[in-house]
Amino acid sequence: MTVNEISESLVILNAPPSLEEALIDWLLAHKQGTGFTSFPAQGHSTRHDNLSIAEQVSGRQGRLQFQVQMASAAVDEFLDDLRASLGAAGIHYWVLPISSSGRLGSSV
């Protein structure tokens, strides 16, 4: 099954904290998705080439994670646009299929 055979996908972006405002502005201005969720995260890796000495000692690097739900057919364009805008910024991403989503309770 490919991403385009699934109607909805969750795009997860893992970015350096220095990109917080730029990425929030970019996501708010982008046409895919109706919103996103963000929260602090810690990155752990066996690759130490981009880690400061303090990060190497602690074994983790501060990151921000953004989650964007969108139509699966829009994922490639979304990633291409992000790559064109912030491609050299060290953003790691992955895409997951969404089998179900909705809102519980009444809308306010």
PDB file of N, CA and C in Angstrom:
ATOM      1  N   MET A   1       0.846  -1.175   0.000  1.00  0.00           N
ATOM      2  CA  MET A   1       0.000   0.000   0.000  1.00  0.00           C
ATOM      3  C   MET A   1       0.892   1.239   0.000  1.00  0.00           C
ATOM      4  N   THR A   2       0.598   2.187  -0.858  1.00  0.00           N
ATOM      5  CA  THR A   2       1.369   3.424  -0.900  1.00  0.00           C
ATOM      6  C   THR A   2       0.624   4.521  -0.157  1.00  0.00           C
ATOM      7  N   VAL A   3       1.334   5.621   0.110  1.00  0.00           N
ATOM      8  CA  VAL A   3       0.716   6.750   0.821  1.00  0.00           C
ATOM      9  C   VAL A   3      -0.517   7.244   0.087  1.00  0.00           C
ATOM     10  N   ASN A   4      -0.486   7.262  -1.240  1.00  0.00           N
ATOM     11  CA  ASN A   4      -1.621   7.787  -1.999  1.00  0.00           C
ATOM     12  C   ASN A   4      -2.842   6.873  -1.984  1.00  0.00           C
ATOM     13  N   GLU A   5      -2.703   5.609  -1.542  1.00  0.00           N
ATOM     14  CA  GLU A   5      -3.845   4.712  -1.423  1.00  0.00           C
ATOM     15  C   GLU A   5      -4.565   4.887  -0.089  1.00  0.00           C
ATOM     16  N   ILE A   6      -3.994   5.638   0.808  1.00  0.00           N
ATOM     17  CA  ILE A   6      -4.576   5.913   2.109  1.00  0.00           C
ATOM     18  C   ILE A   6      -5.161   7.313   2.037  1.00  0.00           C
ATOM     19  N   SER A   7      -6.370   7.527   2.512  1.00  0.00           N
ATOM     20  CA  SER A   7      -6.994   8.837   2.317  1.00  0.00           C
ATOM     21  C   SER A   7      -6.390   9.929   3.199  1.00  0.00           C
ATOM     22  N   GLU A   8      -5.980   9.611   4.425  1.00  0.00           N
ATOM     23  CA  GLU A   8      -5.405  10.603   5.330  1.00  0.00           C
ATOM     24  C   GLU A   8      -4.068  10.106   5.866  1.00  0.00           C
ATOM     25  N   SER A   9      -3.151  11.035   6.044  1.00  0.00           N
ATOM     26  CA  SER A   9      -1.826  10.713   6.588  1.00  0.00           C
ATOM     27  C   SER A   9      -1.456  11.701   7.674  1.00  0.00           C
ATOM     28  N   LEU A  10      -0.560  11.266   8.548  1.00  0.00           N
ATOM     29  CA  LEU A  10       0.008  12.128   9.571  1.00  0.00           C
ATOM     30  C   LEU A  10       1.465  12.351   9.209  1.00  0.00           C
ATOM     31  N   VAL A  11       1.808  13.613   8.941  1.00  0.00           N
ATOM     32  CA  VAL A  11       3.189  13.978   8.654  1.00  0.00           C
ATOM     33  C   VAL A  11       3.786  14.483   9.961  1.00  0.00           C
ATOM     34  N   ILE A  12       4.883  13.861  10.365  1.00  0.00           N
ATOM     35  CA  ILE A  12       5.562  14.236  11.601  1.00  0.00           C
ATOM     36  C   ILE A  12       6.884  14.878  11.224  1.00  0.00           C
ATOM     37  N   LEU A  13       7.106  16.079  11.728  1.00  0.00           N
ATOM     38  CA  LEU A  13       8.335  16.822  11.480  1.00  0.00           C
ATOM     39  C   LEU A  13       9.085  16.949  12.794  1.00  0.00           C
ATOM     40  N   ASN A  14      10.354  16.632  12.775  1.00  0.00           N
ATOM     41  CA  ASN A  14      11.201  16.731  13.958  1.00  0.00           C
ATOM     42  C   ASN A  14      12.272  17.764  13.615  1.00  0.00           C
ATOM     43  N   ALA A  15      12.218  18.944  14.257  1.00  0.00           N
ATOM     44  CA  ALA A  15      13.042  20.084  13.847  1.00  0.00           C
ATOM     45  C   ALA A  15      13.863  20.640  15.000  1.00  0.00           C
ATOM     46  N   PRO A  16      14.969  21.315  14.677  1.00  0.00           N
ATOM     47  CA  PRO A  16      15.747  21.992  15.713  1.00  0.00           C
ATOM     48  C   PRO A  16      14.948  23.153  16.313  1.00  0.00           C
ATOM     49  N   PRO A  17      15.118  23.429  17.598  1.00  0.00           N
ATOM     50  CA  PRO A  17      14.386  24.524  18.247  1.00  0.00           C
ATOM     51  C   PRO A  17      14.602  25.880  17.573  1.00  0.00           C
ATOM     52  N   SER A  18      15.730  26.075  16.930  1.00  0.00           N
ATOM     53  CA  SER A  18      15.993  27.346  16.255  1.00  0.00           C
ATOM     54  C   SER A  18      15.023  27.624  15.115  1.00  0.00           C
ATOM     55  N   LEU A  19      14.320  26.589  14.647  1.00  0.00           N
ATOM     56  CA  LEU A  19      13.361  26.747  13.550  1.00  0.00           C
ATOM     57  C   LEU A  19      11.927  26.930  14.018  1.00  0.00           C
ATOM     58  N   GLU A  20      11.714  27.003  15.316  1.00  0.00           N
ATOM     59  CA  GLU A  20      10.344  27.023  15.838  1.00  0.00           C
ATOM     60  C   GLU A  20       9.471  28.079  15.158  1.00  0.00           C
ATOM     61  N   GLU A  21       9.869  29.336  15.216  1.00  0.00           N
ATOM     62  CA  GLU A  21       9.028  30.408  14.662  1.00  0.00           C
ATOM     63  C   GLU A  21       8.899  30.306  13.150  1.00  0.00           C
ATOM     64  N   ALA A  22       9.999  30.019  12.461  1.00  0.00           N
ATOM     65  CA  ALA A  22       9.950  29.905  10.998  1.00  0.00           C
ATOM     66  C   ALA A  22       9.039  28.761  10.567  1.00  0.00           C
ATOM     67  N   LEU A  23       9.113  27.638  11.264  1.00  0.00           N
ATOM     68  CA  LEU A  23       8.291  26.487  10.897  1.00  0.00           C
ATOM     69  C   LEU A  23       6.823  26.718  11.250  1.00  0.00           C
ATOM     70  N   ILE A  24       6.566  27.330  12.385  1.00  0.00           N
ATOM     71  CA  ILE A  24       5.174  27.663  12.735  1.00  0.00           C
ATOM     72  C   ILE A  24       4.589  28.601  11.689  1.00  0.00           C
ATOM     73  N   ASP A  25       5.320  29.644  11.327  1.00  0.00           N
ATOM     74  CA  ASP A  25       4.832  30.584  10.303  1.00  0.00           C
ATOM     75  C   ASP A  25       4.589  29.864   8.980  1.00  0.00           C
ATOM     76  N   TRP A  26       5.524  28.986   8.598  1.00  0.00           N
ATOM     77  CA  TRP A  26       5.382  28.262   7.332  1.00  0.00           C
ATOM     78  C   TRP A  26       4.148  27.358   7.369  1.00  0.00           C
ATOM     79  N   LEU A  27       3.963  26.623   8.460  1.00  0.00           N
ATOM     80  CA  LEU A  27       2.817  25.719   8.572  1.00  0.00           C
ATOM     81  C   LEU A  27       1.495  26.480   8.587  1.00  0.00           C
ATOM     82  N   LEU A  28       1.451  27.623   9.268  1.00  0.00           N
ATOM     83  CA  LEU A  28       0.218  28.415   9.308  1.00  0.00           C
ATOM     84  C   LEU A  28      -0.133  28.974   7.929  1.00  0.00           C
ATOM     85  N   ALA A  29       0.863  29.267   7.129  1.00  0.00           N
ATOM     86  CA  ALA A  29       0.638  29.835   5.800  1.00  0.00           C
ATOM     87  C   ALA A  29       0.398  28.759   4.737  1.00  0.00           C
ATOM     88  N   HIS A  30       0.761  27.508   5.036  1.00  0.00           N
ATOM     89  CA  HIS A  30       0.656  26.455   4.031  1.00  0.00           C
ATOM     90  C   HIS A  30      -0.773  25.985   3.878  1.00  0.00           C
ATOM     91  N   LYS A  31      -1.129  25.566   2.679  1.00  0.00           N
ATOM     92  CA  LYS A  31      -2.525  25.223   2.386  1.00  0.00           C
ATOM     93  C   LYS A  31      -2.944  23.813   2.800  1.00  0.00           C
ATOM     94  N   GLN A  32      -2.004  22.890   3.020  1.00  0.00           N
ATOM     95  CA  GLN A  32      -2.365  21.523   3.406  1.00  0.00           C
ATOM     96  C   GLN A  32      -2.682  21.462   4.895  1.00  0.00           C
ATOM     97  N   GLY A  33      -3.602  20.597   5.244  1.00  0.00           N
ATOM     98  CA  GLY A  33      -3.973  20.428   6.647  1.00  0.00           C
ATOM     99  C   GLY A  33      -4.842  21.582   7.126  1.00  0.00           C
ATOM    100  N   THR A  34      -5.475  21.387   8.244  1.00  0.00           N
ATOM    101  CA  THR A  34      -6.321  22.436   8.815  1.00  0.00           C
ATOM    102  C   THR A  34      -5.730  22.968  10.109  1.00  0.00           C
ATOM    103  N   GLY A  35      -4.598  22.458  10.498  1.00  0.00           N
ATOM    104  CA  GLY A  35      -3.916  22.857  11.715  1.00  0.00           C
ATOM    105  C   GLY A  35      -2.829  21.849  12.013  1.00  0.00           C
ATOM    106  N   PHE A  36      -2.178  22.031  13.128  1.00  0.00           N
ATOM    107  CA  PHE A  36      -1.091  21.127  13.489  1.00  0.00           C
ATOM    108  C   PHE A  36      -0.908  21.154  14.994  1.00  0.00           C
ATOM    109  N   THR A  37      -0.197  20.181  15.489  1.00  0.00           N
ATOM    110  CA  THR A  37       0.138  20.074  16.898  1.00  0.00           C
ATOM    111  C   THR A  37       1.648  20.155  17.014  1.00  0.00           C
ATOM    112  N   SER A  38       2.142  20.851  18.054  1.00  0.00           N
ATOM    113  CA  SER A  38       3.586  20.914  18.270  1.00  0.00           C
ATOM    114  C   SER A  38       3.895  20.707  19.741  1.00  0.00           C
ATOM    115  N   PHE A  39       5.064  20.164  19.997  1.00  0.00           N
ATOM    116  CA  PHE A  39       5.498  19.960  21.376  1.00  0.00           C
ATOM    117  C   PHE A  39       7.005  19.726  21.401  1.00  0.00           C
ATOM    118  N   PRO A  40       7.630  19.977  22.559  1.00  0.00           N
ATOM    119  CA  PRO A  40       9.070  19.720  22.676  1.00  0.00           C
ATOM    120  C   PRO A  40       9.347  18.216  22.650  1.00  0.00           C
ATOM    121  N   ALA A  41      10.496  17.857  22.112  1.00  0.00           N
ATOM    122  CA  ALA A  41      10.895  16.450  22.033  1.00  0.00           C
ATOM    123  C   ALA A  41      12.403  16.374  22.254  1.00  0.00           C
ATOM    124  N   GLN A  42      12.885  15.181  22.457  1.00  0.00           N
ATOM    125  CA  GLN A  42      14.320  14.925  22.593  1.00  0.00           C
ATOM    126  C   GLN A  42      14.725  13.942  21.513  1.00  0.00           C
ATOM    127  N   GLY A  43      15.761  14.298  20.757  1.00  0.00           N
ATOM    128  CA  GLY A  43      16.277  13.411  19.722  1.00  0.00           C
ATOM    129  C   GLY A  43      17.448  12.604  20.256  1.00  0.00           C
ATOM    130  N   HIS A  44      17.472  11.338  19.942  1.00  0.00           N
ATOM    131  CA  HIS A  44      18.554  10.434  20.351  1.00  0.00           C
ATOM    132  C   HIS A  44      19.065   9.755  19.092  1.00  0.00           C
ATOM    133  N   SER A  45      20.383   9.709  18.924  1.00  0.00           N
ATOM    134  CA  SER A  45      20.942   9.137  17.708  1.00  0.00           C
ATOM    135  C   SER A  45      22.347   8.612  17.963  1.00  0.00           C
ATOM    136  N   THR A  46      22.752   7.681  17.151  1.00  0.00           N
ATOM    137  CA  THR A  46      24.136   7.207  17.201  1.00  0.00           C
ATOM    138  C   THR A  46      25.043   8.118  16.378  1.00  0.00           C
ATOM    139  N   ARG A  47      24.454   8.999  15.590  1.00  0.00           N
ATOM    140  CA  ARG A  47      25.221   9.976  14.817  1.00  0.00           C
ATOM    141  C   ARG A  47      25.460  11.202  15.690  1.00  0.00           C
ATOM    142  N   HIS A  48      26.708  11.568  15.870  1.00  0.00           N
ATOM    143  CA  HIS A  48      27.046  12.684  16.746  1.00  0.00           C
ATOM    144  C   HIS A  48      27.608  13.885  15.997  1.00  0.00           C
ATOM    145  N   ASP A  49      27.605  13.849  14.673  1.00  0.00           N
ATOM    146  CA  ASP A  49      28.230  14.907  13.891  1.00  0.00           C
ATOM    147  C   ASP A  49      27.570  16.276  14.069  1.00  0.00           C
ATOM    148  N   ASN A  50      26.299  16.335  14.420  1.00  0.00           N
ATOM    149  CA  ASN A  50      25.614  17.613  14.597  1.00  0.00           C
ATOM    150  C   ASN A  50      25.338  17.942  16.064  1.00  0.00           C
ATOM    151  N   LEU A  51      25.920  17.201  16.983  1.00  0.00           N
ATOM    152  CA  LEU A  51      25.656  17.408  18.404  1.00  0.00           C
ATOM    153  C   LEU A  51      26.742  18.258  19.045  1.00  0.00           C
ATOM    154  N   SER A  52      26.321  19.139  19.958  1.00  0.00           N
ATOM    155  CA  SER A  52      27.299  19.886  20.746  1.00  0.00           C
ATOM    156  C   SER A  52      27.935  18.923  21.751  1.00  0.00           C
ATOM    157  N   ILE A  53      28.983  19.361  22.418  1.00  0.00           N
ATOM    158  CA  ILE A  53      29.631  18.529  23.440  1.00  0.00           C
ATOM    159  C   ILE A  53      28.627  18.183  24.540  1.00  0.00           C
ATOM    160  N   ALA A  54      27.851  19.168  24.992  1.00  0.00           N
ATOM    161  CA  ALA A  54      26.850  18.920  26.044  1.00  0.00           C
ATOM    162  C   ALA A  54      25.818  17.891  25.582  1.00  0.00           C
ATOM    163  N   GLU A  55      25.386  17.968  24.323  1.00  0.00           N
ATOM    164  CA  GLU A  55      24.417  17.010  23.798  1.00  0.00           C
ATOM    165  C   GLU A  55      25.028  15.616  23.682  1.00  0.00           C
ATOM    166  N   GLN A  56      26.297  15.555  23.324  1.00  0.00           N
ATOM    167  CA  GLN A  56      26.970  14.254  23.251  1.00  0.00           C
ATOM    168  C   GLN A  56      27.051  13.613  24.631  1.00  0.00           C
ATOM    169  N   VAL A  57      27.341  14.417  25.657  1.00  0.00           N
ATOM    170  CA  VAL A  57      27.439  13.903  27.029  1.00  0.00           C
ATOM    171  C   VAL A  57      26.066  13.434  27.520  1.00  0.00           C
ATOM    172  N   SER A  58      25.024  14.235  27.267  1.00  0.00           N
ATOM    173  CA  SER A  58      23.684  13.884  27.753  1.00  0.00           C
ATOM    174  C   SER A  58      23.026  12.797  26.917  1.00  0.00           C
ATOM    175  N   GLY A  59      23.489  12.617  25.672  1.00  0.00           N
ATOM    176  CA  GLY A  59      22.915  11.585  24.810  1.00  0.00           C
ATOM    177  C   GLY A  59      21.613  11.993  24.162  1.00  0.00           C
ATOM    178  N   ARG A  60      21.330  13.278  24.135  1.00  0.00           N
ATOM    179  CA  ARG A  60      20.081  13.739  23.510  1.00  0.00           C
ATOM    180  C   ARG A  60      20.242  15.170  23.004  1.00  0.00           C
ATOM    181  N   GLN A  61      19.356  15.497  22.089  1.00  0.00           N
ATOM    182  CA  GLN A  61      19.348  16.822  21.496  1.00  0.00           C
ATOM    183  C   GLN A  61      17.929  17.362  21.536  1.00  0.00           C
ATOM    184  N   GLY A  62      17.785  18.590  21.992  1.00  0.00           N
ATOM    185  CA  GLY A  62      16.463  19.212  22.022  1.00  0.00           C
ATOM    186  C   GLY A  62      15.914  19.369  20.613  1.00  0.00           C
ATOM    187  N   ARG A  63      14.673  19.000  20.428  1.00  0.00           N
ATOM    188  CA  ARG A  63      13.994  19.105  19.140  1.00  0.00           C
ATOM    189  C   ARG A  63      12.575  19.593  19.391  1.00  0.00           C
ATOM    190  N   LEU A  64      11.899  19.973  18.340  1.00  0.00           N
ATOM    191  CA  LEU A  64      10.471  20.261  18.371  1.00  0.00           C
ATOM    192  C   LEU A  64       9.804  19.315  17.395  1.00  0.00           C
ATOM    193  N   GLN A  65       8.662  18.781  17.794  1.00  0.00           N
ATOM    194  CA  GLN A  65       7.942  17.888  16.908  1.00  0.00           C
ATOM    195  C   GLN A  65       6.634  18.544  16.508  1.00  0.00           C
ATOM    196  N   PHE A  66       6.336  18.473  15.223  1.00  0.00           N
ATOM    197  CA  PHE A  66       5.100  18.999  14.658  1.00  0.00           C
ATOM    198  C   PHE A  66       4.367  17.844  14.000  1.00  0.00           C
ATOM    199  N   GLN A  67       3.071  17.767  14.222  1.00  0.00           N
ATOM    200  CA  GLN A  67       2.246  16.726  13.613  1.00  0.00           C
ATOM    201  C   GLN A  67       1.158  17.397  12.789  1.00  0.00           C
ATOM    202  N   VAL A  68       1.080  17.011  11.521  1.00  0.00           N
ATOM    203  CA  VAL A  68       0.123  17.621  10.599  1.00  0.00           C
ATOM    204  C   VAL A  68      -0.677  16.513   9.930  1.00  0.00           C
ATOM    205  N   GLN A  69      -1.996  16.526  10.104  1.00  0.00           N
ATOM    206  CA  GLN A  69      -2.860  15.567   9.422  1.00  0.00           C
ATOM    207  C   GLN A  69      -3.307  16.202   8.115  1.00  0.00           C
ATOM    208  N   MET A  70      -3.229  15.417   7.035  1.00  0.00           N
ATOM    209  CA  MET A  70      -3.625  15.945   5.735  1.00  0.00           C
ATOM    210  C   MET A  70      -4.037  14.806   4.818  1.00  0.00           C
ATOM    211  N   ALA A  71      -4.629  15.175   3.700  1.00  0.00           N
ATOM    212  CA  ALA A  71      -4.958  14.188   2.671  1.00  0.00           C
ATOM    213  C   ALA A  71      -3.658  13.553   2.185  1.00  0.00           C
ATOM    214  N   SER A  72      -3.663  12.253   2.050  1.00  0.00           N
ATOM    215  CA  SER A  72      -2.460  11.544   1.615  1.00  0.00           C
ATOM    216  C   SER A  72      -1.973  12.026   0.252  1.00  0.00           C
ATOM    217  N   ALA A  73      -2.903  12.395  -0.609  1.00  0.00           N
ATOM    218  CA  ALA A  73      -2.529  12.862  -1.947  1.00  0.00           C
ATOM    219  C   ALA A  73      -1.754  14.177  -1.895  1.00  0.00           C
ATOM    220  N   ALA A  74      -1.820  14.902  -0.779  1.00  0.00           N
ATOM    221  CA  ALA A  74      -1.141  16.195  -0.651  1.00  0.00           C
ATOM    222  C   ALA A  74       0.244  16.092  -0.021  1.00  0.00           C
ATOM    223  N   VAL A  75       0.616  14.914   0.471  1.00  0.00           N
ATOM    224  CA  VAL A  75       1.866  14.763   1.230  1.00  0.00           C
ATOM    225  C   VAL A  75       3.099  15.101   0.394  1.00  0.00           C
ATOM    226  N   ASP A  76       3.186  14.582  -0.813  1.00  0.00           N
ATOM    227  CA  ASP A  76       4.381  14.821  -1.630  1.00  0.00           C
ATOM    228  C   ASP A  76       4.571  16.308  -1.921  1.00  0.00           C
ATOM    229  N   GLU A  77       3.501  16.989  -2.283  1.00  0.00           N
ATOM    230  CA  GLU A  77       3.591  18.436  -2.552  1.00  0.00           C
ATOM    231  C   GLU A  77       3.983  19.193  -1.288  1.00  0.00           C
ATOM    232  N   PHE A  78       3.399  18.811  -0.157  1.00  0.00           N
ATOM    233  CA  PHE A  78       3.728  19.428   1.128  1.00  0.00           C
ATOM    234  C   PHE A  78       5.221  19.303   1.423  1.00  0.00           C
ATOM    235  N   LEU A  79       5.759  18.093   1.278  1.00  0.00           N
ATOM    236  CA  LEU A  79       7.178  17.866   1.551  1.00  0.00           C
ATOM    237  C   LEU A  79       8.067  18.579   0.540  1.00  0.00           C
ATOM    238  N   ASP A  80       7.656  18.621  -0.719  1.00  0.00           N
ATOM    239  CA  ASP A  80       8.430  19.351  -1.728  1.00  0.00           C
ATOM    240  C   ASP A  80       8.479  20.839  -1.392  1.00  0.00           C
ATOM    241  N   ASP A  81       7.351  21.413  -0.994  1.00  0.00           N
ATOM    242  CA  ASP A  81       7.303  22.826  -0.624  1.00  0.00           C
ATOM    243  C   ASP A  81       8.155  23.095   0.609  1.00  0.00           C
ATOM    244  N   LEU A  82       8.076  22.209   1.585  1.00  0.00           N
ATOM    245  CA  LEU A  82       8.879  22.364   2.802  1.00  0.00           C
ATOM    246  C   LEU A  82      10.370  22.263   2.469  1.00  0.00           C
ATOM    247  N   ARG A  83      10.712  21.313   1.630  1.00  0.00           N
ATOM    248  CA  ARG A  83      12.107  21.133   1.209  1.00  0.00           C
ATOM    249  C   ARG A  83      12.615  22.390   0.499  1.00  0.00           C
ATOM    250  N   ALA A  84      11.788  23.006  -0.337  1.00  0.00           N
ATOM    251  CA  ALA A  84      12.178  24.217  -1.063  1.00  0.00           C
ATOM    252  C   ALA A  84      12.337  25.400  -0.109  1.00  0.00           C
ATOM    253  N   SER A  85      11.527  25.443   0.943  1.00  0.00           N
ATOM    254  CA  SER A  85      11.566  26.576   1.876  1.00  0.00           C
ATOM    255  C   SER A  85      12.593  26.408   2.987  1.00  0.00           C
ATOM    256  N   LEU A  86      12.644  25.230   3.585  1.00  0.00           N
ATOM    257  CA  LEU A  86      13.495  25.006   4.763  1.00  0.00           C
ATOM    258  C   LEU A  86      14.331  23.737   4.638  1.00  0.00           C
ATOM    259  N   GLY A  87      14.632  23.333   3.438  1.00  0.00           N
ATOM    260  CA  GLY A  87      15.268  22.050   3.178  1.00  0.00           C
ATOM    261  C   GLY A  87      16.626  21.824   3.813  1.00  0.00           C
ATOM    262  N   ALA A  88      17.391  22.868   3.992  1.00  0.00           N
ATOM    263  CA  ALA A  88      18.738  22.708   4.543  1.00  0.00           C
ATOM    264  C   ALA A  88      18.757  22.865   6.058  1.00  0.00           C
ATOM    265  N   ALA A  89      17.604  22.845   6.682  1.00  0.00           N
ATOM    266  CA  ALA A  89      17.500  23.184   8.095  1.00  0.00           C
ATOM    267  C   ALA A  89      17.595  21.996   9.054  1.00  0.00           C
ATOM    268  N   GLY A  90      17.793  20.786   8.567  1.00  0.00           N
ATOM    269  CA  GLY A  90      17.930  19.642   9.455  1.00  0.00           C
ATOM    270  C   GLY A  90      16.618  19.109   9.996  1.00  0.00           C
ATOM    271  N   ILE A  91      15.557  19.203   9.225  1.00  0.00           N
ATOM    272  CA  ILE A  91      14.248  18.679   9.637  1.00  0.00           C
ATOM    273  C   ILE A  91      14.165  17.214   9.229  1.00  0.00           C
ATOM    274  N   HIS A  92      13.854  16.363  10.189  1.00  0.00           N
ATOM    275  CA  HIS A  92      13.620  14.949   9.908  1.00  0.00           C
ATOM    276  C   HIS A  92      12.105  14.754   9.836  1.00  0.00           C
ATOM    277  N   TYR A  93      11.632  13.913   8.936  1.00  0.00           N
ATOM    278  CA  TYR A  93      10.189  13.696   8.822  1.00  0.00           C
ATOM    279  C   TYR A  93       9.881  12.223   8.646  1.00  0.00           C
ATOM    280  N   TRP A  94       8.657  11.883   8.955  1.00  0.00           N
ATOM    281  CA  TRP A  94       8.111  10.582   8.589  1.00  0.00           C
ATOM    282  C   TRP A  94       6.620  10.746   8.399  1.00  0.00           C
ATOM    283  N   VAL A  95       6.038   9.813   7.641  1.00  0.00           N
ATOM    284  CA  VAL A  95       4.632   9.872   7.266  1.00  0.00           C
ATOM    285  C   VAL A  95       3.968   8.572   7.703  1.00  0.00           C
ATOM    286  N   LEU A  96       2.859   8.708   8.402  1.00  0.00           N
ATOM    287  CA  LEU A  96       2.115   7.542   8.893  1.00  0.00           C
ATOM    288  C   LEU A  96       0.696   7.555   8.335  1.00  0.00           C
ATOM    289  N   PRO A  97       0.159   6.388   8.019  1.00  0.00           N
ATOM    290  CA  PRO A  97      -1.239   6.333   7.581  1.00  0.00           C
ATOM    291  C   PRO A  97      -2.179   6.544   8.771  1.00  0.00           C
ATOM    292  N   ILE A  98      -3.295   7.182   8.531  1.00  0.00           N
ATOM    293  CA  ILE A  98      -4.320   7.356   9.562  1.00  0.00           C
ATOM    294  C   ILE A  98      -5.504   6.473   9.171  1.00  0.00           C
ATOM    295  N   SER A  99      -5.791   5.509  10.003  1.00  0.00           N
ATOM    296  CA  SER A  99      -6.896   4.612   9.694  1.00  0.00           C
ATOM    297  C   SER A  99      -8.230   5.192  10.140  1.00  0.00           C
ATOM    298  N   SER A 100      -8.203   6.096  11.105  1.00  0.00           N
ATOM    299  CA  SER A 100      -9.429   6.708  11.592  1.00  0.00           C
ATOM    300  C   SER A 100      -9.080   7.984  12.343  1.00  0.00           C
ATOM    301  N   SER A 101      -9.949   8.975  12.260  1.00  0.00           N
ATOM    302  CA  SER A 101      -9.794  10.191  13.057  1.00  0.00           C
ATOM    303  C   SER A 101     -11.136  10.869  13.168  1.00  0.00           C
ATOM    304  N   GLY A 102     -11.265  11.745  14.110  1.00  0.00           N
ATOM    305  CA  GLY A 102     -12.521  12.474  14.300  1.00  0.00           C
ATOM    306  C   GLY A 102     -12.453  13.279  15.579  1.00  0.00           C
ATOM    307  N   ARG A 103     -13.561  13.826  15.939  1.00  0.00           N
ATOM    308  CA  ARG A 103     -13.664  14.636  17.153  1.00  0.00           C
ATOM    309  C   ARG A 103     -14.697  13.990  18.073  1.00  0.00           C
ATOM    310  N   LEU A 104     -14.335  13.797  19.342  1.00  0.00           N
ATOM    311  CA  LEU A 104     -15.256  13.223  20.316  1.00  0.00           C
ATOM    312  C   LEU A 104     -16.063  14.344  20.955  1.00  0.00           C
ATOM    313  N   GLY A 105     -17.315  14.103  21.176  1.00  0.00           N
ATOM    314  CA  GLY A 105     -18.150  15.116  21.807  1.00  0.00           C
ATOM    315  C   GLY A 105     -18.630  16.145  20.800  1.00  0.00           C
ATOM    316  N   SER A 106     -19.288  17.146  21.333  1.00  0.00           N
ATOM    317  CA  SER A 106     -19.846  18.174  20.450  1.00  0.00           C
ATOM    318  C   SER A 106     -18.825  19.251  20.157  1.00  0.00           C
ATOM    319  N   SER A 107     -18.928  19.862  18.991  1.00  0.00           N
ATOM    320  CA  SER A 107     -18.054  20.963  18.622  1.00  0.00           C
ATOM    321  C   SER A 107     -18.459  22.207  19.374  1.00  0.00           C
ATOM    322  N   VAL A 108     -17.470  22.976  19.766  1.00  0.00           N
ATOM    323  CA  VAL A 108     -17.748  24.215  20.492  1.00  0.00           C
ATOM    324  C   VAL A 108     -17.541  25.382  19.584  1.00  0.00           C
TER     325      VAL A 108
END
